N, C-alpha and C. Protein backbone atom coordinates (compact mmCIF):
# COMPACT_ATOMS: atom_id res chain seq x y z
N MET A 1 -8.89 -5.54 -28.26
CA MET A 1 -7.71 -5.61 -27.53
C MET A 1 -8.01 -5.42 -26.14
N CYS A 2 -7.17 -6.12 -25.17
CA CYS A 2 -7.59 -6.03 -23.55
C CYS A 2 -6.52 -4.97 -23.22
N THR A 3 -6.93 -4.22 -22.37
CA THR A 3 -6.00 -3.35 -21.68
C THR A 3 -6.08 -3.64 -20.24
N THR A 4 -4.92 -3.34 -19.67
CA THR A 4 -4.70 -3.77 -18.05
C THR A 4 -5.03 -2.57 -17.35
N THR A 5 -5.90 -2.72 -16.27
CA THR A 5 -6.08 -1.75 -15.40
C THR A 5 -5.69 -2.20 -14.03
N ARG A 6 -4.93 -1.37 -13.40
CA ARG A 6 -4.46 -1.70 -12.04
C ARG A 6 -4.16 -0.54 -11.13
N ILE A 7 -4.04 -0.83 -10.01
CA ILE A 7 -4.01 0.33 -8.94
C ILE A 7 -2.44 0.69 -8.92
N ASP A 8 -2.12 1.93 -9.21
CA ASP A 8 -0.92 2.51 -9.00
C ASP A 8 -0.35 2.70 -7.57
N LEU A 9 0.41 1.69 -7.05
CA LEU A 9 0.73 1.92 -5.62
C LEU A 9 1.53 3.08 -5.39
N ILE A 10 2.52 3.57 -6.14
CA ILE A 10 3.21 4.70 -5.79
C ILE A 10 2.41 5.93 -5.91
N GLY A 11 1.60 5.98 -7.12
CA GLY A 11 0.61 7.11 -7.21
C GLY A 11 -0.38 7.31 -6.10
N THR A 12 -0.87 5.97 -5.54
CA THR A 12 -1.74 6.13 -4.60
C THR A 12 -1.06 6.50 -3.16
N GLY A 13 0.19 6.09 -2.87
CA GLY A 13 0.86 6.54 -1.77
C GLY A 13 1.15 8.06 -1.82
N ARG A 14 1.40 8.75 -3.08
CA ARG A 14 1.47 10.15 -3.23
C ARG A 14 0.30 10.69 -2.83
N ARG A 15 -0.87 10.16 -3.34
CA ARG A 15 -2.19 10.76 -3.11
C ARG A 15 -2.54 10.75 -1.67
N ILE A 16 -2.23 9.62 -0.92
CA ILE A 16 -2.60 9.64 0.48
C ILE A 16 -1.71 10.63 1.31
N SER A 17 -0.42 10.86 0.83
CA SER A 17 0.48 12.08 1.43
C SER A 17 -0.07 13.33 1.05
N ASP A 18 -0.46 13.59 -0.11
CA ASP A 18 -1.11 14.96 -0.32
C ASP A 18 -2.30 15.04 0.46
N LEU A 19 -3.17 14.14 0.66
CA LEU A 19 -4.49 14.50 1.32
C LEU A 19 -4.23 14.56 2.64
N ARG A 20 -3.10 13.88 3.30
CA ARG A 20 -2.73 13.99 4.63
C ARG A 20 -2.37 15.56 4.89
N LYS A 21 -1.49 15.90 3.94
CA LYS A 21 -1.03 17.40 4.18
C LYS A 21 -2.01 18.37 3.98
N GLU A 22 -3.01 18.09 3.00
CA GLU A 22 -4.08 19.22 2.80
C GLU A 22 -4.93 19.23 3.98
N ARG A 23 -5.16 18.22 4.68
CA ARG A 23 -5.85 18.23 5.98
C ARG A 23 -5.12 18.43 7.23
N ASP A 24 -3.83 18.75 7.13
CA ASP A 24 -2.86 19.04 8.09
C ASP A 24 -2.96 18.08 9.30
N LEU A 25 -2.83 16.75 8.73
CA LEU A 25 -2.81 15.72 9.72
C LEU A 25 -1.51 15.06 9.80
N SER A 26 -0.98 14.76 10.93
CA SER A 26 0.42 14.21 11.08
C SER A 26 0.10 12.53 10.96
N ILE A 27 1.28 11.72 10.69
CA ILE A 27 1.45 10.33 10.66
C ILE A 27 0.73 9.85 11.87
N LYS A 28 1.17 10.41 13.13
CA LYS A 28 0.80 10.06 14.41
C LYS A 28 -0.59 10.17 14.65
N GLU A 29 -1.29 11.18 14.05
CA GLU A 29 -2.85 11.27 14.11
C GLU A 29 -3.39 10.20 13.34
N ILE A 30 -2.86 10.03 12.18
CA ILE A 30 -3.69 8.85 11.42
C ILE A 30 -3.41 7.49 12.01
N GLN A 31 -2.28 7.22 12.62
CA GLN A 31 -1.85 5.97 13.34
C GLN A 31 -3.02 5.85 14.48
N TYR A 32 -3.19 6.91 15.19
CA TYR A 32 -4.11 6.81 16.39
C TYR A 32 -5.45 6.31 15.92
N VAL A 33 -6.00 7.18 14.80
CA VAL A 33 -7.41 6.97 14.31
C VAL A 33 -7.60 5.47 13.97
N LEU A 34 -6.55 4.93 13.18
CA LEU A 34 -6.52 3.76 12.75
C LEU A 34 -6.14 2.64 13.75
N GLY A 35 -5.96 3.07 14.91
CA GLY A 35 -5.61 1.98 16.09
C GLY A 35 -4.32 1.17 15.73
N PHE A 36 -3.29 1.65 15.08
CA PHE A 36 -1.99 1.07 15.08
C PHE A 36 -1.28 1.26 15.95
N ASN A 37 -0.37 0.27 16.46
CA ASN A 37 0.69 0.42 17.58
C ASN A 37 1.84 1.30 17.06
N THR A 38 2.19 0.98 15.73
CA THR A 38 3.26 1.70 15.04
C THR A 38 2.82 2.38 13.74
N PRO A 39 3.65 3.25 13.13
CA PRO A 39 3.17 3.89 11.90
C PRO A 39 3.70 3.17 10.76
N GLN A 40 4.41 2.08 10.92
CA GLN A 40 5.14 1.23 9.80
C GLN A 40 4.13 1.06 8.48
N ALA A 41 2.92 0.63 8.64
CA ALA A 41 2.10 0.34 7.53
C ALA A 41 1.69 1.64 6.92
N ILE A 42 1.69 2.85 7.45
CA ILE A 42 1.25 3.96 6.81
C ILE A 42 2.56 4.35 5.98
N PHE A 43 3.74 4.16 6.65
CA PHE A 43 5.03 4.54 5.82
C PHE A 43 5.08 3.68 4.48
N LYS A 44 4.58 2.37 4.77
CA LYS A 44 4.47 1.41 3.60
C LYS A 44 3.59 2.07 2.36
N TRP A 45 2.46 2.51 2.87
CA TRP A 45 1.47 3.06 1.80
C TRP A 45 2.11 4.19 1.20
N LEU A 46 2.73 5.20 1.90
CA LEU A 46 3.28 6.43 1.52
C LEU A 46 4.44 6.11 0.59
N ARG A 47 5.22 4.96 0.61
CA ARG A 47 6.25 4.69 -0.32
C ARG A 47 5.77 3.77 -1.57
N GLY A 48 4.57 3.47 -1.48
CA GLY A 48 4.04 2.67 -2.42
C GLY A 48 4.43 1.22 -2.33
N ASP A 49 4.79 0.88 -1.29
CA ASP A 49 5.20 -0.71 -1.01
C ASP A 49 3.96 -1.55 -0.93
N THR A 50 2.82 -0.97 -0.24
CA THR A 50 1.60 -1.69 -0.09
C THR A 50 0.52 -0.81 -0.25
N LEU A 51 -0.65 -1.37 -0.27
CA LEU A 51 -1.95 -0.61 -0.20
C LEU A 51 -2.67 -0.83 1.22
N PRO A 52 -3.44 0.25 1.46
CA PRO A 52 -4.34 -0.03 2.70
C PRO A 52 -5.43 -1.07 2.56
N THR A 53 -5.97 -1.71 3.50
CA THR A 53 -6.89 -2.70 3.17
C THR A 53 -7.99 -1.93 3.12
N ILE A 54 -8.95 -2.70 2.65
CA ILE A 54 -10.43 -1.97 2.42
C ILE A 54 -10.98 -1.29 3.52
N ASP A 55 -10.81 -1.85 4.59
CA ASP A 55 -11.49 -1.37 5.93
C ASP A 55 -10.54 -0.05 6.42
N ASN A 56 -9.30 -0.02 6.08
CA ASN A 56 -8.35 1.05 6.24
C ASN A 56 -8.71 2.23 5.35
N LEU A 57 -9.03 1.78 3.96
CA LEU A 57 -9.57 2.85 2.97
C LEU A 57 -10.66 3.45 3.39
N VAL A 58 -11.60 2.70 3.86
CA VAL A 58 -12.95 3.36 4.46
C VAL A 58 -12.74 4.52 5.39
N VAL A 59 -11.70 4.01 6.41
CA VAL A 59 -11.57 4.96 7.43
C VAL A 59 -10.59 6.24 6.82
N LEU A 60 -9.82 6.08 6.04
CA LEU A 60 -9.18 7.18 5.35
C LEU A 60 -9.83 8.11 4.68
N ALA A 61 -10.68 7.40 3.77
CA ALA A 61 -11.64 8.40 3.13
C ALA A 61 -12.54 9.23 4.10
N GLU A 62 -12.90 8.52 5.17
CA GLU A 62 -13.68 9.33 6.33
C GLU A 62 -12.78 10.55 6.84
N ILE A 63 -11.48 10.35 7.29
CA ILE A 63 -10.78 11.32 7.92
C ILE A 63 -10.24 12.22 6.86
N PHE A 64 -10.20 12.01 5.50
CA PHE A 64 -9.88 12.84 4.63
C PHE A 64 -11.00 13.50 3.73
N ASP A 65 -12.33 13.08 4.29
CA ASP A 65 -13.44 13.80 3.82
C ASP A 65 -13.52 13.73 2.36
N THR A 66 -13.25 12.58 1.75
CA THR A 66 -13.39 12.07 0.32
C THR A 66 -13.68 10.68 0.08
N THR A 67 -13.74 10.21 -1.04
CA THR A 67 -14.11 8.83 -1.40
C THR A 67 -12.85 8.09 -1.69
N ILE A 68 -13.07 6.78 -1.53
CA ILE A 68 -12.11 5.80 -1.84
C ILE A 68 -11.57 6.00 -3.21
N ASP A 69 -12.41 6.26 -4.23
CA ASP A 69 -12.06 6.36 -5.54
C ASP A 69 -11.14 7.50 -5.62
N ASP A 70 -11.16 8.49 -4.86
CA ASP A 70 -10.22 9.60 -4.86
C ASP A 70 -9.08 9.39 -4.31
N ILE A 71 -9.01 8.35 -3.51
CA ILE A 71 -7.72 7.97 -2.74
C ILE A 71 -6.74 7.24 -3.73
N LEU A 72 -7.42 6.14 -4.32
CA LEU A 72 -6.70 5.25 -5.30
C LEU A 72 -6.39 5.72 -6.62
N VAL A 73 -5.16 5.65 -7.14
CA VAL A 73 -4.93 6.20 -8.40
C VAL A 73 -4.66 4.98 -9.41
N ILE A 74 -5.56 4.93 -10.30
CA ILE A 74 -5.81 3.78 -11.24
C ILE A 74 -4.84 4.10 -12.51
N SER A 75 -4.07 2.97 -13.01
CA SER A 75 -3.37 3.26 -14.17
C SER A 75 -3.96 2.29 -15.28
N ARG A 76 -4.01 2.88 -16.39
CA ARG A 76 -4.59 2.00 -17.63
C ARG A 76 -3.54 1.61 -18.54
């Protein structure tokens, strides 16, 4: 039997939010590090509307001092 594995967008958004709070980082600080003009993309991640791109995941892992695997929430 084949099982479906996928990234849980809402769970990943919650994880990003938790990691941000654990590191005491503001949305504005993350926006600055990522070089975004506005925080809209970050809010979309936090709501689970979209996922960060691979290059943004690499930066998030660096600023959260964790791995991409720890940021992404996988549902099976």
